[in-house]
Amino acid sequence: MVRIFKYAEEQGEKKGERKLFKTLVKGNFEGCDDKIMELIDQAEISKIEELSERISKIKDLKELEEALKH
């Protein structure tokens, strides 16, 4: 039972991280489309965390898209 609660908590944290990253992306890049949002949803949390730390250094949506794909 404890594992179920721990799993649910982890999933909630991951969802929150993705939501926050999406907010950062929308605030930093105009014209953000559904394709980018889908890539964020599919990306590993470690990738989201890495990109969150360097979001201010990413120049444009093309660069962000490439980073999410790798």
PDB file of N, CA and C in Angstrom:
ATOM      1  N   MET A   1       0.823  -1.191   0.000  1.00  0.00           N
ATOM      2  CA  MET A   1       0.000   0.000   0.000  1.00  0.00           C
ATOM      3  C   MET A   1       0.872   1.262   0.000  1.00  0.00           C
ATOM      4  N   VAL A   2       1.949   1.216   0.746  1.00  0.00           N
ATOM      5  CA  VAL A   2       2.856   2.366   0.793  1.00  0.00           C
ATOM      6  C   VAL A   2       3.450   2.626  -0.577  1.00  0.00           C
ATOM      7  N   ARG A   3       3.761   1.562  -1.311  1.00  0.00           N
ATOM      8  CA  ARG A   3       4.321   1.730  -2.658  1.00  0.00           C
ATOM      9  C   ARG A   3       3.333   2.409  -3.592  1.00  0.00           C
ATOM     10  N   ILE A   4       2.070   2.121  -3.423  1.00  0.00           N
ATOM     11  CA  ILE A   4       1.041   2.752  -4.264  1.00  0.00           C
ATOM     12  C   ILE A   4       1.006   4.249  -4.008  1.00  0.00           C
ATOM     13  N   PHE A   5       1.052   4.636  -2.732  1.00  0.00           N
ATOM     14  CA  PHE A   5       1.041   6.062  -2.396  1.00  0.00           C
ATOM     15  C   PHE A   5       2.308   6.751  -2.896  1.00  0.00           C
ATOM     16  N   LYS A   6       3.446   6.083  -2.751  1.00  0.00           N
ATOM     17  CA  LYS A   6       4.712   6.657  -3.213  1.00  0.00           C
ATOM     18  C   LYS A   6       4.686   6.844  -4.739  1.00  0.00           C
ATOM     19  N   TYR A   7       4.158   5.842  -5.456  1.00  0.00           N
ATOM     20  CA  TYR A   7       4.041   5.935  -6.912  1.00  0.00           C
ATOM     21  C   TYR A   7       3.136   7.097  -7.306  1.00  0.00           C
ATOM     22  N   ALA A   8       2.005   7.226  -6.645  1.00  0.00           N
ATOM     23  CA  ALA A   8       1.063   8.312  -6.948  1.00  0.00           C
ATOM     24  C   ALA A   8       1.709   9.666  -6.682  1.00  0.00           C
ATOM     25  N   GLU A   9       2.462   9.759  -5.616  1.00  0.00           N
ATOM     26  CA  GLU A   9       3.149  11.009  -5.288  1.00  0.00           C
ATOM     27  C   GLU A   9       4.182  11.351  -6.356  1.00  0.00           C
ATOM     28  N   GLU A  10       4.963  10.370  -6.791  1.00  0.00           N
ATOM     29  CA  GLU A  10       5.962  10.596  -7.833  1.00  0.00           C
ATOM     30  C   GLU A  10       5.315  11.049  -9.132  1.00  0.00           C
ATOM     31  N   GLN A  11       4.206  10.428  -9.495  1.00  0.00           N
ATOM     32  CA  GLN A  11       3.512  10.800 -10.729  1.00  0.00           C
ATOM     33  C   GLN A  11       2.997  12.233 -10.646  1.00  0.00           C
ATOM     34  N   GLY A  12       2.503  12.623  -9.480  1.00  0.00           N
ATOM     35  CA  GLY A  12       2.036  14.000  -9.283  1.00  0.00           C
ATOM     36  C   GLY A  12       3.164  14.999  -9.419  1.00  0.00           C
ATOM     37  N   GLU A  13       4.340  14.652  -8.879  1.00  0.00           N
ATOM     38  CA  GLU A  13       5.499  15.542  -8.990  1.00  0.00           C
ATOM     39  C   GLU A  13       5.929  15.680 -10.447  1.00  0.00           C
ATOM     40  N   LYS A  14       5.939  14.588 -11.172  1.00  0.00           N
ATOM     41  CA  LYS A  14       6.323  14.631 -12.585  1.00  0.00           C
ATOM     42  C   LYS A  14       5.359  15.496 -13.383  1.00  0.00           C
ATOM     43  N   LYS A  15       4.081  15.351 -13.105  1.00  0.00           N
ATOM     44  CA  LYS A  15       3.072  16.152 -13.799  1.00  0.00           C
ATOM     45  C   LYS A  15       3.280  17.633 -13.503  1.00  0.00           C
ATOM     46  N   GLY A  16       3.616  17.939 -12.253  1.00  0.00           N
ATOM     47  CA  GLY A  16       3.864  19.328 -11.860  1.00  0.00           C
ATOM     48  C   GLY A  16       5.088  19.907 -12.545  1.00  0.00           C
ATOM     49  N   GLU A  17       6.140  19.100 -12.670  1.00  0.00           N
ATOM     50  CA  GLU A  17       7.351  19.560 -13.349  1.00  0.00           C
ATOM     51  C   GLU A  17       7.080  19.851 -14.814  1.00  0.00           C
ATOM     52  N   ARG A  18       6.327  18.980 -15.458  1.00  0.00           N
ATOM     53  CA  ARG A  18       5.987  19.202 -16.863  1.00  0.00           C
ATOM     54  C   ARG A  18       5.150  20.473 -17.028  1.00  0.00           C
ATOM     55  N   LYS A  19       4.189  20.660 -16.140  1.00  0.00           N
ATOM     56  CA  LYS A  19       3.325  21.838 -16.215  1.00  0.00           C
ATOM     57  C   LYS A  19       4.150  23.111 -16.034  1.00  0.00           C
ATOM     58  N   LEU A  20       5.050  23.115 -15.082  1.00  0.00           N
ATOM     59  CA  LEU A  20       5.898  24.280 -14.848  1.00  0.00           C
ATOM     60  C   LEU A  20       6.789  24.552 -16.059  1.00  0.00           C
ATOM     61  N   PHE A  21       7.356  23.493 -16.636  1.00  0.00           N
ATOM     62  CA  PHE A  21       8.213  23.678 -17.806  1.00  0.00           C
ATOM     63  C   PHE A  21       7.424  24.231 -18.984  1.00  0.00           C
ATOM     64  N   LYS A  22       6.216  23.746 -19.167  1.00  0.00           N
ATOM     65  CA  LYS A  22       5.362  24.276 -20.242  1.00  0.00           C
ATOM     66  C   LYS A  22       5.102  25.764 -20.040  1.00  0.00           C
ATOM     67  N   THR A  23       4.880  26.158 -18.796  1.00  0.00           N
ATOM     68  CA  THR A  23       4.666  27.572 -18.491  1.00  0.00           C
ATOM     69  C   THR A  23       5.905  28.387 -18.827  1.00  0.00           C
ATOM     70  N   LEU A  24       7.083  27.858 -18.483  1.00  0.00           N
ATOM     71  CA  LEU A  24       8.342  28.542 -18.811  1.00  0.00           C
ATOM     72  C   LEU A  24       8.507  28.693 -20.317  1.00  0.00           C
ATOM     73  N   VAL A  25       8.215  27.649 -21.048  1.00  0.00           N
ATOM     74  CA  VAL A  25       8.357  27.678 -22.503  1.00  0.00           C
ATOM     75  C   VAL A  25       7.397  28.698 -23.111  1.00  0.00           C
ATOM     76  N   LYS A  26       6.148  28.669 -22.688  1.00  0.00           N
ATOM     77  CA  LYS A  26       5.163  29.618 -23.216  1.00  0.00           C
ATOM     78  C   LYS A  26       5.555  31.062 -22.906  1.00  0.00           C
ATOM     79  N   GLY A  27       6.156  31.285 -21.736  1.00  0.00           N
ATOM     80  CA  GLY A  27       6.560  32.630 -21.358  1.00  0.00           C
ATOM     81  C   GLY A  27       7.790  33.125 -22.079  1.00  0.00           C
ATOM     82  N   ASN A  28       8.639  32.195 -22.524  1.00  0.00           N
ATOM     83  CA  ASN A  28       9.892  32.574 -23.168  1.00  0.00           C
ATOM     84  C   ASN A  28       9.854  32.559 -24.692  1.00  0.00           C
ATOM     85  N   PHE A  29       8.885  31.861 -25.269  1.00  0.00           N
ATOM     86  CA  PHE A  29       8.847  31.714 -26.724  1.00  0.00           C
ATOM     87  C   PHE A  29       7.445  31.978 -27.248  1.00  0.00           C
ATOM     88  N   GLU A  30       7.335  32.959 -28.115  1.00  0.00           N
ATOM     89  CA  GLU A  30       6.048  33.225 -28.759  1.00  0.00           C
ATOM     90  C   GLU A  30       5.809  32.179 -29.843  1.00  0.00           C
ATOM     91  N   GLY A  31       4.558  31.871 -30.079  1.00  0.00           N
ATOM     92  CA  GLY A  31       4.212  30.950 -31.144  1.00  0.00           C
ATOM     93  C   GLY A  31       4.447  29.494 -30.801  1.00  0.00           C
ATOM     94  N   CYS A  32       4.515  29.191 -29.526  1.00  0.00           N
ATOM     95  CA  CYS A  32       4.712  27.812 -29.089  1.00  0.00           C
ATOM     96  C   CYS A  32       3.512  26.979 -29.526  1.00  0.00           C
ATOM     97  N   ASP A  33       3.773  25.857 -30.198  1.00  0.00           N
ATOM     98  CA  ASP A  33       2.672  25.067 -30.750  1.00  0.00           C
ATOM     99  C   ASP A  33       2.477  23.737 -30.016  1.00  0.00           C
ATOM    100  N   ASP A  34       1.472  23.007 -30.456  1.00  0.00           N
ATOM    101  CA  ASP A  34       1.130  21.727 -29.827  1.00  0.00           C
ATOM    102  C   ASP A  34       2.245  20.701 -29.980  1.00  0.00           C
ATOM    103  N   LYS A  35       3.012  20.805 -31.042  1.00  0.00           N
ATOM    104  CA  LYS A  35       4.106  19.858 -31.276  1.00  0.00           C
ATOM    105  C   LYS A  35       5.123  19.914 -30.137  1.00  0.00           C
ATOM    106  N   ILE A  36       5.462  21.122 -29.722  1.00  0.00           N
ATOM    107  CA  ILE A  36       6.410  21.301 -28.616  1.00  0.00           C
ATOM    108  C   ILE A  36       5.803  20.746 -27.322  1.00  0.00           C
ATOM    109  N   MET A  37       4.527  21.023 -27.097  1.00  0.00           N
ATOM    110  CA  MET A  37       3.861  20.529 -25.884  1.00  0.00           C
ATOM    111  C   MET A  37       3.837  19.001 -25.850  1.00  0.00           C
ATOM    112  N   GLU A  38       3.639  18.379 -26.994  1.00  0.00           N
ATOM    113  CA  GLU A  38       3.654  16.914 -27.078  1.00  0.00           C
ATOM    114  C   GLU A  38       5.047  16.371 -26.784  1.00  0.00           C
ATOM    115  N   LEU A  39       6.068  17.041 -27.298  1.00  0.00           N
ATOM    116  CA  LEU A  39       7.444  16.614 -27.025  1.00  0.00           C
ATOM    117  C   LEU A  39       7.753  16.716 -25.536  1.00  0.00           C
ATOM    118  N   ILE A  40       7.252  17.753 -24.899  1.00  0.00           N
ATOM    119  CA  ILE A  40       7.451  17.907 -23.450  1.00  0.00           C
ATOM    120  C   ILE A  40       6.761  16.771 -22.718  1.00  0.00           C
ATOM    121  N   ASP A  41       5.548  16.430 -23.127  1.00  0.00           N
ATOM    122  CA  ASP A  41       4.815  15.335 -22.489  1.00  0.00           C
ATOM    123  C   ASP A  41       5.531  13.997 -22.644  1.00  0.00           C
ATOM    124  N   GLN A  42       6.249  13.823 -23.733  1.00  0.00           N
ATOM    125  CA  GLN A  42       6.921  12.559 -24.006  1.00  0.00           C
ATOM    126  C   GLN A  42       8.333  12.484 -23.418  1.00  0.00           C
ATOM    127  N   ALA A  43       8.904  13.629 -23.082  1.00  0.00           N
ATOM    128  CA  ALA A  43      10.294  13.663 -22.618  1.00  0.00           C
ATOM    129  C   ALA A  43      10.438  13.075 -21.219  1.00  0.00           C
ATOM    130  N   GLU A  44      11.604  12.509 -20.977  1.00  0.00           N
ATOM    131  CA  GLU A  44      11.939  12.017 -19.643  1.00  0.00           C
ATOM    132  C   GLU A  44      12.032  13.216 -18.690  1.00  0.00           C
ATOM    133  N   ILE A  45      11.699  12.964 -17.436  1.00  0.00           N
ATOM    134  CA  ILE A  45      11.757  14.035 -16.431  1.00  0.00           C
ATOM    135  C   ILE A  45      13.177  14.576 -16.301  1.00  0.00           C
ATOM    136  N   SER A  46      14.174  13.734 -16.428  1.00  0.00           N
ATOM    137  CA  SER A  46      15.559  14.203 -16.336  1.00  0.00           C
ATOM    138  C   SER A  46      15.866  15.221 -17.438  1.00  0.00           C
ATOM    139  N   LYS A  47      15.299  15.014 -18.623  1.00  0.00           N
ATOM    140  CA  LYS A  47      15.492  15.957 -19.737  1.00  0.00           C
ATOM    141  C   LYS A  47      14.783  17.274 -19.430  1.00  0.00           C
ATOM    142  N   ILE A  48      13.572  17.195 -18.877  1.00  0.00           N
ATOM    143  CA  ILE A  48      12.817  18.397 -18.503  1.00  0.00           C
ATOM    144  C   ILE A  48      13.605  19.201 -17.473  1.00  0.00           C
ATOM    145  N   GLU A  49      14.160  18.513 -16.480  1.00  0.00           N
ATOM    146  CA  GLU A  49      14.946  19.193 -15.443  1.00  0.00           C
ATOM    147  C   GLU A  49      16.176  19.857 -16.042  1.00  0.00           C
ATOM    148  N   GLU A  50      16.872  19.152 -16.938  1.00  0.00           N
ATOM    149  CA  GLU A  50      18.061  19.706 -17.584  1.00  0.00           C
ATOM    150  C   GLU A  50      17.715  20.963 -18.382  1.00  0.00           C
ATOM    151  N   LEU A  51      16.657  20.884 -19.183  1.00  0.00           N
ATOM    152  CA  LEU A  51      16.276  22.026 -20.012  1.00  0.00           C
ATOM    153  C   LEU A  51      15.733  23.177 -19.178  1.00  0.00           C
ATOM    154  N   SER A  52      15.103  22.888 -18.060  1.00  0.00           N
ATOM    155  CA  SER A  52      14.606  23.947 -17.176  1.00  0.00           C
ATOM    156  C   SER A  52      15.752  24.806 -16.662  1.00  0.00           C
ATOM    157  N   GLU A  53      16.875  24.155 -16.390  1.00  0.00           N
ATOM    158  CA  GLU A  53      18.042  24.873 -15.876  1.00  0.00           C
ATOM    159  C   GLU A  53      18.673  25.784 -16.922  1.00  0.00           C
ATOM    160  N   ARG A  54      18.508  25.434 -18.183  1.00  0.00           N
ATOM    161  CA  ARG A  54      19.152  26.248 -19.233  1.00  0.00           C
ATOM    162  C   ARG A  54      18.166  26.890 -20.209  1.00  0.00           C
ATOM    163  N   ILE A  55      16.926  27.049 -19.785  1.00  0.00           N
ATOM    164  CA  ILE A  55      15.888  27.604 -20.661  1.00  0.00           C
ATOM    165  C   ILE A  55      16.266  29.006 -21.158  1.00  0.00           C
ATOM    166  N   SER A  56      16.925  29.792 -20.325  1.00  0.00           N
ATOM    167  CA  SER A  56      17.268  31.158 -20.732  1.00  0.00           C
ATOM    168  C   SER A  56      18.363  31.194 -21.795  1.00  0.00           C
ATOM    169  N   LYS A  57      19.071  30.087 -21.975  1.00  0.00           N
ATOM    170  CA  LYS A  57      20.142  30.037 -22.974  1.00  0.00           C
ATOM    171  C   LYS A  57      19.669  29.466 -24.313  1.00  0.00           C
ATOM    172  N   ILE A  58      18.467  28.923 -24.342  1.00  0.00           N
ATOM    173  CA  ILE A  58      17.923  28.372 -25.578  1.00  0.00           C
ATOM    174  C   ILE A  58      17.405  29.526 -26.424  1.00  0.00           C
ATOM    175  N   LYS A  59      17.869  29.605 -27.667  1.00  0.00           N
ATOM    176  CA  LYS A  59      17.607  30.768 -28.515  1.00  0.00           C
ATOM    177  C   LYS A  59      16.205  30.809 -29.123  1.00  0.00           C
ATOM    178  N   ASP A  60      15.696  29.653 -29.550  1.00  0.00           N
ATOM    179  CA  ASP A  60      14.410  29.644 -30.246  1.00  0.00           C
ATOM    180  C   ASP A  60      13.731  28.283 -30.119  1.00  0.00           C
ATOM    181  N   LEU A  61      12.523  28.212 -30.644  1.00  0.00           N
ATOM    182  CA  LEU A  61      11.743  26.977 -30.552  1.00  0.00           C
ATOM    183  C   LEU A  61      12.399  25.825 -31.311  1.00  0.00           C
ATOM    184  N   LYS A  62      13.073  26.113 -32.376  1.00  0.00           N
ATOM    185  CA  LYS A  62      13.763  25.076 -33.153  1.00  0.00           C
ATOM    186  C   LYS A  62      14.836  24.404 -32.291  1.00  0.00           C
ATOM    187  N   GLU A  63      15.598  25.204 -31.583  1.00  0.00           N
ATOM    188  CA  GLU A  63      16.637  24.668 -30.704  1.00  0.00           C
ATOM    189  C   GLU A  63      16.014  23.851 -29.571  1.00  0.00           C
ATOM    190  N   LEU A  64      14.921  24.341 -29.021  1.00  0.00           N
ATOM    191  CA  LEU A  64      14.224  23.621 -27.964  1.00  0.00           C
ATOM    192  C   LEU A  64      13.693  22.289 -28.480  1.00  0.00           C
ATOM    193  N   GLU A  65      13.122  22.309 -29.658  1.00  0.00           N
ATOM    194  CA  GLU A  65      12.585  21.083 -30.261  1.00  0.00           C
ATOM    195  C   GLU A  65      13.689  20.048 -30.448  1.00  0.00           C
ATOM    196  N   GLU A  66      14.832  20.473 -30.941  1.00  0.00           N
ATOM    197  CA  GLU A  66      15.959  19.558 -31.131  1.00  0.00           C
ATOM    198  C   GLU A  66      16.437  18.995 -29.793  1.00  0.00           C
ATOM    199  N   ALA A  67      16.505  19.833 -28.790  1.00  0.00           N
ATOM    200  CA  ALA A  67      16.933  19.381 -27.459  1.00  0.00           C
ATOM    201  C   ALA A  67      15.958  18.359 -26.869  1.00  0.00           C
ATOM    202  N   LEU A  68      14.673  18.552 -27.092  1.00  0.00           N
ATOM    203  CA  LEU A  68      13.673  17.619 -26.577  1.00  0.00           C
ATOM    204  C   LEU A  68      13.728  16.280 -27.305  1.00  0.00           C
ATOM    205  N   LYS A  69      14.124  16.278 -28.554  1.00  0.00           N
ATOM    206  CA  LYS A  69      14.183  15.051 -29.339  1.00  0.00           C
ATOM    207  C   LYS A  69      15.394  14.189 -28.976  1.00  0.00           C
ATOM    208  N   HIS A  70      16.422  14.791 -28.402  1.00  0.00           N
ATOM    209  CA  HIS A  70      17.650  14.033 -28.081  1.00  0.00           C
ATOM    210  C   HIS A  70      17.730  13.701 -26.631  1.00  0.00           C
TER     211      HIS A  70
END
